[in-house]
């Protein structure tokens, strides 16, 4: 799944398989940009894996575990100020129904 950052700053994705994410077209270095991803598990609660770009810097250095229950939602926030070289990622909401 590719999120074109030139088109929006809020994205929604329901997992239906293991997914690798890509971010394209961030603003130029020196311009701060934040976007939100509403990530939903499928209705079967299959706990599909998510793979993130190497440019994502995790709070605490470790990627958090996504919600695994059917239809549960996590709200993820990403911010960059260096043209996408680094995205700081924060978990804003977990296990939301």
Protein backbone atom coordinates (compact mmCIF):
# COMPACT_ATOMS: atom_id res chain seq x y z
CA UNK A 1 0.00 0.00 0.00
CA UNK A 2 1.41 3.36 -1.02
CA UNK A 3 0.27 6.59 0.61
CA UNK A 4 0.79 9.61 -1.62
CA UNK A 5 1.45 12.35 0.90
CA UNK A 6 0.85 15.07 -1.68
CA UNK A 7 -2.85 14.11 -1.80
CA UNK A 8 -3.90 13.89 1.86
CA UNK A 9 -2.81 13.86 5.49
CA UNK A 10 -5.36 11.26 6.69
CA UNK A 11 -5.45 7.70 5.38
CA UNK A 12 -7.58 4.66 6.19
CA UNK A 13 -6.63 1.05 5.54
CA UNK A 14 -8.34 -2.22 6.44
CA UNK A 15 -5.91 -5.11 6.57
CA UNK A 16 -6.88 -8.01 4.29
CA UNK A 17 -3.40 -9.55 3.98
CA UNK A 18 0.14 -8.93 5.18
CA UNK A 19 0.90 -5.41 4.00
CA UNK A 20 4.06 -3.47 3.22
CA UNK A 21 3.59 0.29 3.35
CA UNK A 22 5.33 2.92 1.25
CA UNK A 23 5.14 6.70 1.61
CA UNK A 24 5.57 8.83 -1.51
CA UNK A 25 5.84 12.55 -2.23
CA UNK A 26 6.54 14.03 1.21
CA UNK A 27 7.12 17.79 1.37
CA UNK A 28 10.67 19.03 0.89
CA UNK A 29 13.17 19.02 3.71
CA UNK A 30 12.58 21.89 6.11
CA UNK A 31 8.79 21.64 5.86
CA UNK A 32 7.15 19.80 8.72
CA UNK A 33 4.44 17.33 7.70
CA UNK A 34 2.27 15.04 9.81
CA UNK A 35 -0.17 12.43 8.61
CA UNK A 36 -2.50 9.99 10.33
CA UNK A 37 -3.29 6.39 9.43
CA UNK A 38 -6.43 4.72 10.69
CA UNK A 39 -5.45 1.04 10.57
CA UNK A 40 -8.24 -1.52 10.96
CA UNK A 41 -8.00 -5.28 11.39
CA UNK A 42 -10.28 -7.28 9.13
CA UNK A 43 -13.60 -8.69 10.35
CA UNK A 44 -11.99 -12.11 10.91
CA UNK A 45 -9.35 -10.81 13.31
CA UNK A 46 -6.61 -12.44 11.25
CA UNK A 47 -3.88 -10.25 12.75
CA UNK A 48 -2.15 -9.59 9.44
CA UNK A 49 1.44 -8.38 9.58
CA UNK A 50 2.41 -4.82 8.69
CA UNK A 51 5.82 -3.88 7.31
CA UNK A 52 7.01 -0.29 7.39
CA UNK A 53 9.67 1.68 5.49
CA UNK A 54 13.14 1.68 7.06
CA UNK A 55 12.74 5.46 7.43
CA UNK A 56 10.18 5.00 10.24
CA UNK A 57 11.67 5.71 13.68
CA UNK A 58 9.69 3.97 16.41
CA UNK A 59 9.11 5.46 19.86
CA UNK A 60 11.28 3.37 22.16
CA UNK A 61 13.07 1.85 19.15
CA UNK A 62 10.63 -1.03 18.65
CA UNK A 63 7.56 -1.24 16.44
CA UNK A 64 4.44 -1.65 18.58
CA UNK A 65 2.07 -4.55 18.09
CA UNK A 66 -1.06 -3.81 16.10
CA UNK A 67 -4.48 -4.60 17.50
CA UNK A 68 -5.42 -8.14 16.58
CA UNK A 69 -9.14 -8.38 17.38
CA UNK A 70 -11.71 -8.33 14.58
CA UNK A 71 -12.58 -4.80 13.39
CA UNK A 72 -10.37 -3.10 16.00
CA UNK A 73 -8.68 0.13 14.95
CA UNK A 74 -5.30 1.65 15.76
CA UNK A 75 -4.63 5.33 15.06
CA UNK A 76 -1.04 5.91 13.94
CA UNK A 77 0.59 9.32 13.53
CA UNK A 78 3.70 9.92 11.44
CA UNK A 79 5.68 13.15 11.23
CA UNK A 80 8.68 14.21 9.16
CA UNK A 81 10.62 17.44 8.71
CA UNK A 82 13.42 16.18 6.47
CA UNK A 83 11.65 15.26 3.24
CA UNK A 84 10.82 11.75 4.43
CA UNK A 85 14.34 10.68 5.38
CA UNK A 86 12.92 9.98 8.86
CA UNK A 87 9.32 9.56 9.98
CA UNK A 88 8.67 9.63 13.70
CA UNK A 89 5.77 7.29 14.41
CA UNK A 90 3.44 7.45 17.40
CA UNK A 91 0.55 5.26 18.44
CA UNK A 92 -2.31 7.66 19.13
CA UNK A 93 -5.13 5.15 19.66
CA UNK A 94 -5.08 1.40 20.34
CA UNK A 95 -7.75 -1.28 20.29
CA UNK A 96 -10.50 1.16 19.40
CA UNK A 97 -13.85 -0.41 18.56
